[in-house]
Amino acid sequence: MAKEAVKSEIELFVISKAKALREQANLSQSELAFKLDVSNGFIGQVESLNSPSKYNLDHIDKLAVIFNCSPKDFLPETTVNK
């Protein structure tokens, strides 16, 4: 039996974009968690492929403020569904 993916392609896209911006800004997971006002381990859970944790729209809005960009920057130009 194949293991079902924990996160969808669009969720993985958002997470990947946020992680890239976090790394560009030289922020640790803990530092981003503090700025995002989430628990210390939340960012690690989001970035883990094995955890169902993910960013919601409120998180994306706050991430845009933190990284001085638009919430739209966290979404792909076209659909990712196959």
N, C-alpha and C. Protein backbone atom coordinates (compact mmCIF):
# COMPACT_ATOMS: atom_id res chain seq x y z
N MET A 1 0.84 -1.18 0.00
CA MET A 1 0.00 0.00 0.00
C MET A 1 0.89 1.24 0.00
N ALA A 2 0.66 2.13 -0.95
CA ALA A 2 1.45 3.35 -1.05
C ALA A 2 1.04 4.34 0.04
N LYS A 3 2.04 5.01 0.58
CA LYS A 3 1.77 6.01 1.61
C LYS A 3 1.26 7.28 0.94
N GLU A 4 0.15 7.80 1.44
CA GLU A 4 -0.45 9.01 0.88
C GLU A 4 0.38 10.24 1.30
N ALA A 5 0.53 11.18 0.39
CA ALA A 5 1.28 12.39 0.68
C ALA A 5 0.62 13.17 1.81
N VAL A 6 1.44 13.69 2.69
CA VAL A 6 0.93 14.44 3.83
C VAL A 6 0.54 15.85 3.42
N LYS A 7 1.27 16.41 2.43
CA LYS A 7 1.01 17.77 1.98
C LYS A 7 0.80 17.78 0.47
N SER A 8 -0.06 18.67 0.01
CA SER A 8 -0.35 18.77 -1.42
C SER A 8 0.77 19.53 -2.13
N GLU A 9 0.75 19.50 -3.44
CA GLU A 9 1.77 20.20 -4.24
C GLU A 9 1.74 21.71 -3.98
N ILE A 10 0.57 22.29 -3.88
CA ILE A 10 0.47 23.73 -3.63
C ILE A 10 1.00 24.08 -2.24
N GLU A 11 0.71 23.25 -1.27
CA GLU A 11 1.22 23.47 0.09
C GLU A 11 2.75 23.39 0.10
N LEU A 12 3.29 22.42 -0.62
CA LEU A 12 4.74 22.27 -0.71
C LEU A 12 5.38 23.47 -1.40
N PHE A 13 4.70 24.03 -2.40
CA PHE A 13 5.20 25.22 -3.09
C PHE A 13 5.30 26.39 -2.11
N VAL A 14 4.25 26.62 -1.35
CA VAL A 14 4.22 27.72 -0.37
C VAL A 14 5.33 27.53 0.67
N ILE A 15 5.46 26.32 1.17
CA ILE A 15 6.46 26.02 2.19
C ILE A 15 7.87 26.24 1.63
N SER A 16 8.09 25.79 0.42
CA SER A 16 9.40 25.94 -0.23
C SER A 16 9.76 27.42 -0.40
N LYS A 17 8.79 28.21 -0.82
CA LYS A 17 9.01 29.65 -1.01
C LYS A 17 9.34 30.32 0.32
N ALA A 18 8.57 30.00 1.35
CA ALA A 18 8.80 30.59 2.68
C ALA A 18 10.16 30.17 3.22
N LYS A 19 10.53 28.92 3.03
CA LYS A 19 11.83 28.44 3.51
C LYS A 19 12.97 29.16 2.78
N ALA A 20 12.84 29.34 1.47
CA ALA A 20 13.88 30.03 0.70
C ALA A 20 14.04 31.47 1.19
N LEU A 21 12.93 32.15 1.44
CA LEU A 21 13.00 33.53 1.94
C LEU A 21 13.60 33.57 3.34
N ARG A 22 13.25 32.58 4.17
CA ARG A 22 13.80 32.50 5.53
C ARG A 22 15.32 32.34 5.47
N GLU A 23 15.77 31.45 4.59
CA GLU A 23 17.21 31.21 4.47
C GLU A 23 17.93 32.42 3.88
N GLN A 24 17.31 33.09 2.91
CA GLN A 24 17.90 34.31 2.33
C GLN A 24 18.09 35.39 3.39
N ALA A 25 17.13 35.45 4.31
CA ALA A 25 17.17 36.46 5.37
C ALA A 25 18.04 36.02 6.55
N ASN A 26 18.65 34.84 6.43
CA ASN A 26 19.48 34.28 7.51
C ASN A 26 18.73 34.18 8.83
N LEU A 27 17.46 33.78 8.74
CA LEU A 27 16.64 33.58 9.94
C LEU A 27 16.61 32.09 10.28
N SER A 28 16.76 31.78 11.55
CA SER A 28 16.58 30.40 11.99
C SER A 28 15.08 30.10 12.02
N GLN A 29 14.76 28.83 12.15
CA GLN A 29 13.36 28.45 12.29
C GLN A 29 12.76 29.10 13.54
N SER A 30 13.53 29.14 14.62
CA SER A 30 13.05 29.74 15.87
C SER A 30 12.81 31.24 15.73
N GLU A 31 13.71 31.93 15.02
CA GLU A 31 13.55 33.37 14.81
C GLU A 31 12.29 33.67 13.99
N LEU A 32 12.07 32.86 12.95
CA LEU A 32 10.86 33.07 12.15
C LEU A 32 9.62 32.74 12.96
N ALA A 33 9.68 31.70 13.76
CA ALA A 33 8.53 31.35 14.62
C ALA A 33 8.18 32.51 15.54
N PHE A 34 9.20 33.16 16.10
CA PHE A 34 8.96 34.30 16.99
C PHE A 34 8.28 35.43 16.22
N LYS A 35 8.80 35.75 15.04
CA LYS A 35 8.23 36.85 14.24
C LYS A 35 6.81 36.52 13.77
N LEU A 36 6.56 35.24 13.52
CA LEU A 36 5.25 34.80 13.03
C LEU A 36 4.26 34.57 14.17
N ASP A 37 4.78 34.62 15.41
CA ASP A 37 3.97 34.42 16.61
C ASP A 37 3.34 33.03 16.65
N VAL A 38 4.19 32.04 16.38
CA VAL A 38 3.78 30.63 16.47
C VAL A 38 4.74 29.92 17.42
N SER A 39 4.44 28.69 17.78
CA SER A 39 5.29 27.95 18.71
C SER A 39 6.68 27.73 18.11
N ASN A 40 7.64 27.51 18.98
CA ASN A 40 9.03 27.38 18.57
C ASN A 40 9.25 26.25 17.55
N GLY A 41 8.54 25.16 17.66
CA GLY A 41 8.74 24.03 16.76
C GLY A 41 7.86 24.05 15.51
N PHE A 42 6.97 25.01 15.41
CA PHE A 42 6.00 25.02 14.30
C PHE A 42 6.68 25.08 12.93
N ILE A 43 7.67 25.94 12.77
CA ILE A 43 8.32 26.10 11.47
C ILE A 43 8.99 24.79 11.06
N GLY A 44 9.64 24.13 12.01
CA GLY A 44 10.26 22.83 11.73
C GLY A 44 9.23 21.80 11.30
N GLN A 45 8.07 21.81 11.94
CA GLN A 45 7.01 20.88 11.56
C GLN A 45 6.50 21.19 10.16
N VAL A 46 6.33 22.48 9.86
CA VAL A 46 5.86 22.88 8.53
C VAL A 46 6.86 22.44 7.47
N GLU A 47 8.14 22.64 7.73
CA GLU A 47 9.18 22.33 6.75
C GLU A 47 9.46 20.83 6.65
N SER A 48 8.96 20.03 7.58
CA SER A 48 9.14 18.58 7.54
C SER A 48 8.11 17.93 6.61
N LEU A 49 8.59 17.04 5.75
CA LEU A 49 7.68 16.34 4.83
C LEU A 49 6.78 15.35 5.56
N ASN A 50 7.17 14.94 6.75
CA ASN A 50 6.42 13.92 7.49
C ASN A 50 5.35 14.47 8.40
N SER A 51 5.28 15.77 8.55
CA SER A 51 4.30 16.40 9.43
C SER A 51 3.18 17.03 8.60
N PRO A 52 1.94 16.92 9.07
CA PRO A 52 0.83 17.54 8.33
C PRO A 52 0.73 19.06 8.54
N SER A 53 1.57 19.64 9.41
CA SER A 53 1.51 21.09 9.67
C SER A 53 1.82 21.88 8.41
N LYS A 54 1.11 22.97 8.24
CA LYS A 54 1.31 23.83 7.06
C LYS A 54 0.89 25.25 7.38
N TYR A 55 1.26 26.17 6.50
CA TYR A 55 0.88 27.57 6.67
C TYR A 55 -0.57 27.77 6.24
N ASN A 56 -1.29 28.64 6.96
CA ASN A 56 -2.63 29.01 6.53
C ASN A 56 -2.57 30.42 5.93
N LEU A 57 -3.69 30.93 5.51
CA LEU A 57 -3.70 32.25 4.85
C LEU A 57 -3.24 33.37 5.78
N ASP A 58 -3.56 33.29 7.06
CA ASP A 58 -3.09 34.30 8.01
C ASP A 58 -1.57 34.25 8.12
N HIS A 59 -1.00 33.03 8.15
CA HIS A 59 0.46 32.90 8.18
C HIS A 59 1.07 33.53 6.93
N ILE A 60 0.50 33.25 5.77
CA ILE A 60 1.03 33.79 4.51
C ILE A 60 1.00 35.32 4.54
N ASP A 61 -0.07 35.88 5.07
CA ASP A 61 -0.17 37.34 5.16
C ASP A 61 0.93 37.90 6.06
N LYS A 62 1.18 37.25 7.20
CA LYS A 62 2.23 37.69 8.10
C LYS A 62 3.62 37.47 7.49
N LEU A 63 3.80 36.36 6.78
CA LEU A 63 5.08 36.10 6.12
C LEU A 63 5.39 37.21 5.11
N ALA A 64 4.37 37.67 4.41
CA ALA A 64 4.55 38.74 3.43
C ALA A 64 5.03 40.02 4.13
N VAL A 65 4.50 40.30 5.31
CA VAL A 65 4.95 41.47 6.07
C VAL A 65 6.40 41.27 6.52
N ILE A 66 6.70 40.10 7.05
CA ILE A 66 8.05 39.80 7.55
C ILE A 66 9.09 39.93 6.43
N PHE A 67 8.76 39.41 5.24
CA PHE A 67 9.72 39.40 4.14
C PHE A 67 9.51 40.56 3.16
N ASN A 68 8.65 41.49 3.53
CA ASN A 68 8.41 42.69 2.73
C ASN A 68 8.09 42.35 1.27
N CYS A 69 7.09 41.51 1.11
CA CYS A 69 6.66 41.12 -0.23
C CYS A 69 5.14 41.01 -0.24
N SER A 70 4.59 40.55 -1.33
CA SER A 70 3.14 40.37 -1.44
C SER A 70 2.77 38.94 -1.07
N PRO A 71 1.59 38.74 -0.48
CA PRO A 71 1.13 37.37 -0.25
C PRO A 71 1.10 36.55 -1.55
N LYS A 72 0.89 37.23 -2.67
CA LYS A 72 0.87 36.55 -3.97
C LYS A 72 2.21 35.91 -4.30
N ASP A 73 3.28 36.42 -3.71
CA ASP A 73 4.62 35.88 -3.98
C ASP A 73 4.77 34.45 -3.47
N PHE A 74 3.86 34.01 -2.61
CA PHE A 74 3.93 32.65 -2.07
C PHE A 74 3.13 31.65 -2.91
N LEU A 75 2.54 32.12 -3.99
CA LEU A 75 1.74 31.25 -4.86
C LEU A 75 2.38 31.15 -6.24
N PRO A 76 2.21 29.99 -6.89
CA PRO A 76 2.78 29.83 -8.24
C PRO A 76 2.02 30.66 -9.26
N GLU A 77 2.66 30.90 -10.40
CA GLU A 77 2.02 31.65 -11.49
C GLU A 77 0.87 30.85 -12.11
N THR A 78 1.03 29.54 -12.17
CA THR A 78 0.01 28.66 -12.75
C THR A 78 -0.34 27.56 -11.77
N THR A 79 -1.34 26.80 -12.08
CA THR A 79 -1.76 25.71 -11.19
C THR A 79 -0.65 24.66 -11.08
N VAL A 80 -0.62 23.96 -9.97
CA VAL A 80 0.35 22.89 -9.79
C VAL A 80 -0.31 21.53 -9.83
N ASN A 81 -1.64 21.51 -9.87
CA ASN A 81 -2.36 20.24 -9.97
C ASN A 81 -2.15 19.62 -11.33
N LYS A 82 -2.03 18.34 -11.31
CA LYS A 82 -1.80 17.62 -12.57
C LYS A 82 -3.08 17.14 -13.19
